[in-house]
N, C-alpha and C. Protein backbone atom coordinates (compact mmCIF):
# COMPACT_ATOMS: atom_id res chain seq x y z
N ARG A 1 0.85 -0.86 -0.26
CA ARG A 1 -0.24 0.30 0.14
C ARG A 1 0.83 1.21 0.13
N SER A 2 0.37 2.16 -0.63
CA SER A 2 1.37 3.41 -0.69
C SER A 2 0.21 4.23 -0.55
N GLU A 3 0.72 5.78 -0.04
CA GLU A 3 -0.01 6.94 0.46
C GLU A 3 0.79 8.23 -0.58
N ALA A 4 0.42 8.65 -1.42
CA ALA A 4 1.29 9.99 -1.72
C ALA A 4 0.49 11.05 -0.78
N GLY A 5 -0.08 11.10 0.15
CA GLY A 5 -0.40 12.45 1.31
C GLY A 5 -0.99 13.52 -0.08
N ALA A 6 -2.25 14.19 0.88
CA ALA A 6 -3.04 15.45 0.12
C ALA A 6 -3.44 15.18 -1.04
N SER A 7 -3.38 13.79 -1.66
CA SER A 7 -3.70 13.50 -2.93
C SER A 7 -5.07 14.11 -3.15
N ILE A 8 -6.30 14.27 -2.51
CA ILE A 8 -7.49 14.62 -2.63
C ILE A 8 -7.64 15.84 -2.94
N ILE A 9 -7.08 16.70 -2.12
CA ILE A 9 -7.07 18.72 -2.17
C ILE A 9 -6.59 18.47 -3.23
N SER A 10 -7.54 18.36 -4.78
CA SER A 10 -7.62 19.41 -5.84
C SER A 10 -8.80 20.14 -6.15
N GLU A 11 -8.35 20.12 -7.75
CA GLU A 11 -9.29 20.63 -8.64
C GLU A 11 -10.90 19.96 -8.12
N VAL A 12 -10.63 18.72 -8.45
CA VAL A 12 -11.86 17.68 -8.49
C VAL A 12 -12.19 17.64 -6.97
N ASN A 13 -11.95 18.02 -6.16
CA ASN A 13 -12.71 17.94 -4.85
C ASN A 13 -13.45 18.96 -4.73
N VAL A 14 -14.86 18.85 -4.99
CA VAL A 14 -15.53 19.65 -4.89
C VAL A 14 -15.83 19.68 -3.17
N LEU A 15 -16.04 18.66 -2.34
CA LEU A 15 -16.21 18.97 -1.31
C LEU A 15 -15.01 20.47 -0.68
N PHE A 16 -14.25 19.80 -0.88
CA PHE A 16 -12.96 20.67 0.04
C PHE A 16 -13.09 22.77 -0.78
N LYS A 17 -13.30 22.56 -2.12
CA LYS A 17 -14.00 23.51 -2.97
C LYS A 17 -14.45 24.63 -2.40
N ALA A 18 -15.40 23.96 -1.86
CA ALA A 18 -17.04 24.19 -1.81
C ALA A 18 -16.53 24.71 -0.27
N LEU A 19 -15.68 24.54 0.97
CA LEU A 19 -15.22 25.29 2.14
C LEU A 19 -14.47 26.04 2.11
N MET A 20 -13.71 26.04 0.76
CA MET A 20 -13.08 27.50 0.73
C MET A 20 -13.97 28.40 0.35
N ASN A 21 -14.56 27.93 -0.76
CA ASN A 21 -15.88 29.15 -0.79
C ASN A 21 -16.57 29.60 0.28
N ARG A 22 -17.00 28.61 0.98
CA ARG A 22 -18.17 29.08 1.99
C ARG A 22 -17.08 30.05 3.19
N PHE A 23 -15.67 29.72 3.30
CA PHE A 23 -14.88 30.62 4.09
C PHE A 23 -13.78 31.85 3.51
N SER A 24 -14.22 31.56 2.55
CA SER A 24 -14.06 33.03 1.24
C SER A 24 -12.65 32.97 1.10
N LEU A 25 -11.56 31.62 1.64
CA LEU A 25 -10.39 31.49 1.59
C LEU A 25 -9.80 31.29 -0.23
N LYS A 26 -8.92 31.48 -0.21
CA LYS A 26 -8.00 32.30 -1.71
C LYS A 26 -7.01 30.92 -2.20
N LYS A 27 -7.23 30.65 -3.18
CA LYS A 27 -5.87 29.56 -3.86
C LYS A 27 -4.61 30.00 -3.70
N PHE A 28 -3.75 29.83 -3.66
CA PHE A 28 -2.45 30.67 -3.67
C PHE A 28 -1.23 29.44 -4.50
N ASP A 29 -0.32 30.14 -4.94
CA ASP A 29 0.30 29.36 -6.06
C ASP A 29 1.82 28.79 -5.07
N LEU A 30 2.06 27.99 -4.39
CA LEU A 30 3.24 28.28 -3.65
C LEU A 30 4.62 27.57 -4.30
N SER A 31 4.37 27.39 -5.78
CA SER A 31 5.35 26.49 -6.40
C SER A 31 6.74 27.18 -6.64
N ASP A 32 6.83 28.92 -6.52
CA ASP A 32 7.90 29.47 -6.44
C ASP A 32 8.61 30.00 -4.88
N CYS A 33 7.60 29.38 -4.18
CA CYS A 33 8.47 30.11 -2.72
C CYS A 33 9.64 29.54 -2.20
N ASN A 34 9.90 28.65 -2.92
CA ASN A 34 11.50 28.16 -2.12
C ASN A 34 10.91 27.16 -0.48
N MET A 35 9.83 27.05 -0.51
CA MET A 35 9.07 26.60 0.96
C MET A 35 9.62 24.85 1.03
N PRO A 36 10.45 24.51 1.94
CA PRO A 36 10.39 23.30 1.94
C PRO A 36 9.56 22.25 2.34
N LEU A 37 9.63 21.29 2.10
CA LEU A 37 8.54 19.96 2.27
C LEU A 37 9.06 19.16 3.44
N ALA A 38 8.05 18.81 3.70
CA ALA A 38 8.67 17.62 5.44
C ALA A 38 7.44 17.12 5.61
N VAL A 39 8.13 15.78 5.64
CA VAL A 39 7.09 14.46 6.44
C VAL A 39 6.82 14.67 8.06
N TYR A 40 5.77 14.61 8.93
CA TYR A 40 5.44 14.76 10.07
C TYR A 40 5.07 13.79 10.51
N ASN A 41 5.34 12.75 11.37
CA ASN A 41 4.58 11.93 12.27
C ASN A 41 3.91 12.18 13.25
N GLY A 42 3.67 13.28 13.75
CA GLY A 42 2.99 13.75 14.77
C GLY A 42 4.12 14.13 15.88
N THR A 43 5.17 13.19 16.16
CA THR A 43 5.95 13.59 16.89
C THR A 43 7.32 14.01 16.25
N ARG A 44 7.79 13.89 15.49
CA ARG A 44 9.04 14.51 14.61
C ARG A 44 9.14 13.90 13.14
N PHE A 45 10.02 15.20 12.70
CA PHE A 45 10.07 15.18 11.03
C PHE A 45 10.92 13.79 10.66
N LEU A 46 10.17 13.26 9.84
CA LEU A 46 11.03 11.91 9.03
C LEU A 46 11.59 12.13 8.00
N PHE A 47 11.31 13.63 7.40
CA PHE A 47 12.05 13.91 6.34
C PHE A 47 11.45 15.39 5.85
N SER A 48 12.57 16.23 5.61
CA SER A 48 12.40 17.25 5.07
C SER A 48 13.71 17.48 4.07
N THR A 49 13.11 18.53 3.02
CA THR A 49 13.76 18.88 1.76
C THR A 49 14.49 19.94 2.00
N ALA A 50 15.57 19.74 0.85
CA ALA A 50 16.98 20.88 1.39
C ALA A 50 16.64 22.58 0.81
N SER A 51 16.56 23.21 2.08
CA SER A 51 16.57 24.77 1.34
C SER A 51 17.49 25.13 0.10
N SER A 52 16.80 25.71 -0.13
CA SER A 52 17.46 26.33 -1.93
C SER A 52 17.34 27.94 -1.89
N ALA A 53 17.08 28.14 -0.67
CA ALA A 53 17.13 29.77 -0.19
C ALA A 53 18.67 30.45 -0.92
N SER A 54 19.67 29.83 -0.98
CA SER A 54 20.77 30.30 -1.15
C SER A 54 21.31 30.47 -2.53
N GLY A 55 20.30 30.09 -3.67
CA GLY A 55 20.37 30.33 -4.99
C GLY A 55 20.96 29.00 -5.81
N TRP A 56 21.61 27.84 -4.96
CA TRP A 56 21.92 26.69 -5.25
C TRP A 56 20.84 25.90 -5.43
N LYS A 57 20.07 26.10 -6.63
CA LYS A 57 18.49 25.09 -6.62
C LYS A 57 19.12 23.64 -7.02
N TRP A 58 20.19 23.71 -8.13
CA TRP A 58 20.19 22.31 -8.57
C TRP A 58 21.20 21.66 -7.33
N ALA A 59 22.07 22.33 -6.55
CA ALA A 59 22.30 21.50 -5.53
C ALA A 59 21.32 21.00 -4.32
N ALA A 60 20.28 22.17 -4.03
CA ALA A 60 19.29 21.72 -3.06
C ALA A 60 18.41 20.56 -3.67
N SER A 61 18.29 20.51 -5.12
CA SER A 61 17.33 19.48 -5.63
C SER A 61 17.70 18.08 -5.78
N LEU A 62 19.27 18.03 -5.81
CA LEU A 62 20.13 16.90 -6.10
C LEU A 62 20.15 16.35 -4.26
N LEU A 63 20.68 17.22 -3.19
CA LEU A 63 20.24 16.95 -2.38
C LEU A 63 18.77 16.15 -1.29
N SER A 64 18.09 17.36 -2.12
CA SER A 64 16.50 16.40 -1.53
C SER A 64 16.19 14.91 -2.12
N GLN A 65 16.95 14.75 -3.33
CA GLN A 65 16.61 13.43 -3.83
C GLN A 65 17.35 12.63 -3.20
N TRP A 66 18.54 12.72 -2.76
CA TRP A 66 19.14 11.64 -2.25
C TRP A 66 18.25 11.44 -1.04
N LYS A 67 18.24 12.25 -0.13
CA LYS A 67 17.87 12.32 1.17
C LYS A 67 16.37 11.42 1.31
N LEU A 68 15.72 11.65 0.00
CA LEU A 68 14.16 10.32 -0.20
C LEU A 68 14.48 9.44 -0.42
N VAL A 69 15.66 9.02 -1.41
CA VAL A 69 16.36 7.71 -1.91
C VAL A 69 16.59 7.01 -0.02
N TRP A 70 17.31 7.69 0.65
CA TRP A 70 17.93 7.36 1.82
C TRP A 70 16.83 6.71 2.56
N ARG A 71 15.98 7.76 2.66
CA ARG A 71 14.56 7.76 3.91
C ARG A 71 13.97 6.65 3.54
N PHE A 72 13.41 6.88 2.05
CA PHE A 72 12.12 6.00 1.98
C PHE A 72 12.69 4.28 1.11
N GLY A 73 13.78 4.71 0.09
CA GLY A 73 14.01 3.57 -0.51
C GLY A 73 14.07 3.85 -1.80
N PHE A 74 14.86 2.93 -3.29
CA PHE A 74 14.90 3.50 -4.38
C PHE A 74 13.30 2.96 -5.08
N PHE A 75 13.19 1.71 -4.48
CA PHE A 75 12.40 0.63 -4.96
C PHE A 75 10.76 1.39 -4.77
N SER A 76 10.62 1.90 -3.54
CA SER A 76 9.50 2.65 -2.87
C SER A 76 9.11 3.66 -3.92
N LEU A 77 10.43 4.04 -4.04
CA LEU A 77 10.13 5.99 -4.75
C LEU A 77 9.41 5.43 -6.37
N LEU A 78 10.13 4.52 -6.78
CA LEU A 78 9.89 4.16 -8.48
C LEU A 78 8.57 3.33 -8.42
N LYS A 79 8.13 2.68 -7.04
CA LYS A 79 6.53 2.37 -6.86
C LYS A 79 5.85 3.32 -6.95
N LEU A 80 6.15 4.41 -6.15
CA LEU A 80 5.18 5.53 -6.05
C LEU A 80 4.85 6.41 -7.49
N LYS A 81 6.11 6.39 -7.79
CA LYS A 81 5.99 6.83 -9.19
C LYS A 81 5.24 5.97 -10.77
N LYS A 82 5.36 5.14 -10.31
CA LYS A 82 4.39 4.03 -10.97
C LYS A 82 3.12 4.11 -10.87
N ILE A 83 2.47 4.05 -9.70
CA ILE A 83 1.01 4.53 -9.48
C ILE A 83 0.52 6.00 -9.60
N SER A 84 1.76 6.80 -9.23
CA SER A 84 0.92 8.24 -9.88
C SER A 84 0.80 8.42 -11.37
N LYS A 85 1.37 7.36 -12.23
CA LYS A 85 0.99 7.66 -13.64
C LYS A 85 -0.20 6.66 -14.03
N ARG A 86 -0.68 5.75 -13.48
CA ARG A 86 -1.42 5.25 -13.87
C ARG A 86 -3.42 6.03 -13.93
N PRO A 87 -3.40 5.46 -15.09
CA PRO A 87 -4.83 6.11 -15.75
C PRO A 87 -6.29 6.54 -15.13
N CYS A 88 -6.38 5.36 -14.03
CA CYS A 88 -7.03 5.07 -13.62
C CYS A 88 -7.28 5.61 -12.07
N ALA A 89 -7.26 6.95 -11.74
CA ALA A 89 -6.99 7.17 -10.35
C ALA A 89 -8.38 7.03 -10.13
N PRO A 90 -8.62 7.16 -8.91
CA PRO A 90 -10.30 6.92 -7.95
C PRO A 90 -11.11 7.87 -8.36
N ASN A 91 -12.18 7.71 -8.74
CA ASN A 91 -13.53 8.70 -9.62
C ASN A 91 -14.13 9.21 -8.18
N PHE A 92 -13.41 10.43 -7.67
CA PHE A 92 -14.26 10.98 -6.97
C PHE A 92 -15.41 11.62 -7.39
N LEU A 93 -15.39 12.44 -8.42
CA LEU A 93 -16.44 13.17 -8.82
C LEU A 93 -17.31 12.26 -8.51
N ARG A 94 -17.77 10.84 -9.34
CA ARG A 94 -18.81 9.82 -9.04
C ARG A 94 -18.85 9.59 -7.70
N LEU A 95 -17.93 9.83 -6.80
CA LEU A 95 -18.00 9.41 -5.16
C LEU A 95 -19.31 10.68 -4.89
N TYR A 96 -18.99 12.02 -5.25
CA TYR A 96 -19.62 13.01 -4.74
C TYR A 96 -21.12 13.56 -5.07
N ARG A 97 -21.05 12.65 -6.41
CA ARG A 97 -22.39 12.65 -6.87
C ARG A 97 -23.40 11.78 -6.30
N ALA A 98 -22.33 10.64 -5.58
CA ALA A 98 -23.37 9.65 -5.37
C ALA A 98 -23.66 9.96 -3.66
N LEU A 99 -22.95 10.94 -3.06
CA LEU A 99 -23.28 11.32 -2.01
C LEU A 99 -24.25 12.45 -2.20
N ARG A 100 -24.16 13.13 -2.68
CA ARG A 100 -25.21 14.44 -2.97
C ARG A 100 -26.32 13.47 -3.37
N ASP A 101 -26.15 12.46 -3.90
CA ASP A 101 -27.78 11.93 -4.15
C ASP A 101 -28.25 11.30 -2.96
N GLY A 102 -27.51 10.95 -2.05
CA GLY A 102 -27.83 10.24 -0.61
C GLY A 102 -27.56 8.85 -0.55
N ALA A 103 -26.40 8.54 -1.22
CA ALA A 103 -25.91 7.29 -0.86
C ALA A 103 -25.32 7.33 0.35
N THR A 104 -25.11 6.21 1.08
CA THR A 104 -24.68 5.48 2.43
C THR A 104 -24.01 4.52 1.62
N TYR A 105 -22.91 4.14 2.80
CA TYR A 105 -22.43 2.75 2.60
C TYR A 105 -21.96 2.05 3.69
N ALA A 106 -22.49 0.54 3.85
CA ALA A 106 -22.75 -0.05 4.72
C ALA A 106 -21.08 -0.89 5.31
N HIS A 107 -20.52 -1.09 4.34
CA HIS A 107 -19.30 -1.32 4.05
C HIS A 107 -18.33 -0.99 3.20
N PRO A 108 -17.08 -0.70 3.48
CA PRO A 108 -15.75 -0.06 3.00
C PRO A 108 -16.15 -0.73 1.38
N ARG A 109 -16.19 -1.99 0.75
CA ARG A 109 -16.49 -2.22 -0.22
C ARG A 109 -17.10 -1.62 -1.38
N GLU A 110 -18.53 -1.40 -0.52
CA GLU A 110 -19.39 -0.68 -1.61
C GLU A 110 -18.92 0.71 -1.53
N LEU A 111 -18.32 1.40 -0.97
CA LEU A 111 -17.10 2.70 -1.14
C LEU A 111 -16.75 2.69 -2.33
N LEU A 112 -15.54 1.68 -1.93
CA LEU A 112 -14.72 1.44 -3.24
C LEU A 112 -15.55 1.01 -4.52
N SER A 113 -16.53 0.31 -4.35
CA SER A 113 -17.04 0.19 -5.90
C SER A 113 -17.05 1.04 -6.29
N THR A 114 -17.64 2.63 -5.64
CA THR A 114 -17.77 3.74 -6.45
C THR A 114 -16.51 4.55 -6.87
N LEU A 115 -15.85 4.17 -6.00
CA LEU A 115 -14.25 5.21 -6.91
C LEU A 115 -13.86 4.45 -7.82
N GLY A 116 -14.20 2.98 -8.01
CA GLY A 116 -13.70 2.46 -9.25
C GLY A 116 -12.33 1.83 -8.54
N HIS A 117 -12.24 0.93 -7.41
CA HIS A 117 -11.14 0.43 -7.04
C HIS A 117 -10.38 -0.81 -7.81
N SER A 118 -10.68 -1.06 -9.21
CA SER A 118 -10.04 -2.09 -9.39
C SER A 118 -9.18 -1.47 -10.24
N CYS A 119 -8.78 -0.57 -10.26
CA CYS A 119 -7.27 -0.08 -10.56
C CYS A 119 -6.29 -0.79 -9.62
């Protein structure tokens, strides 16, 4: 099993977008902010990217890649990359429509069926 974190906070997440509209929150593009990325387990940081504030982006990128491989393993990262390229991602729009129409699920298997778990 793999988890890529925050993977469903996206444009297709109509529930999250509705919350943003309800509370007048604005979406910001942080891709150019040079902010570090970190993995926190509730007790300590398991991983954090290297800072590129000094202007050496290529060195920071290389160091961050090395830290990822060291922490999570080369084959785990390859597996995550392979999973992320699958064309059959869960169909959250179908789930949102079903929930809007009053669907309930007595068992996780039913929910997965709505999401399209055959991927």
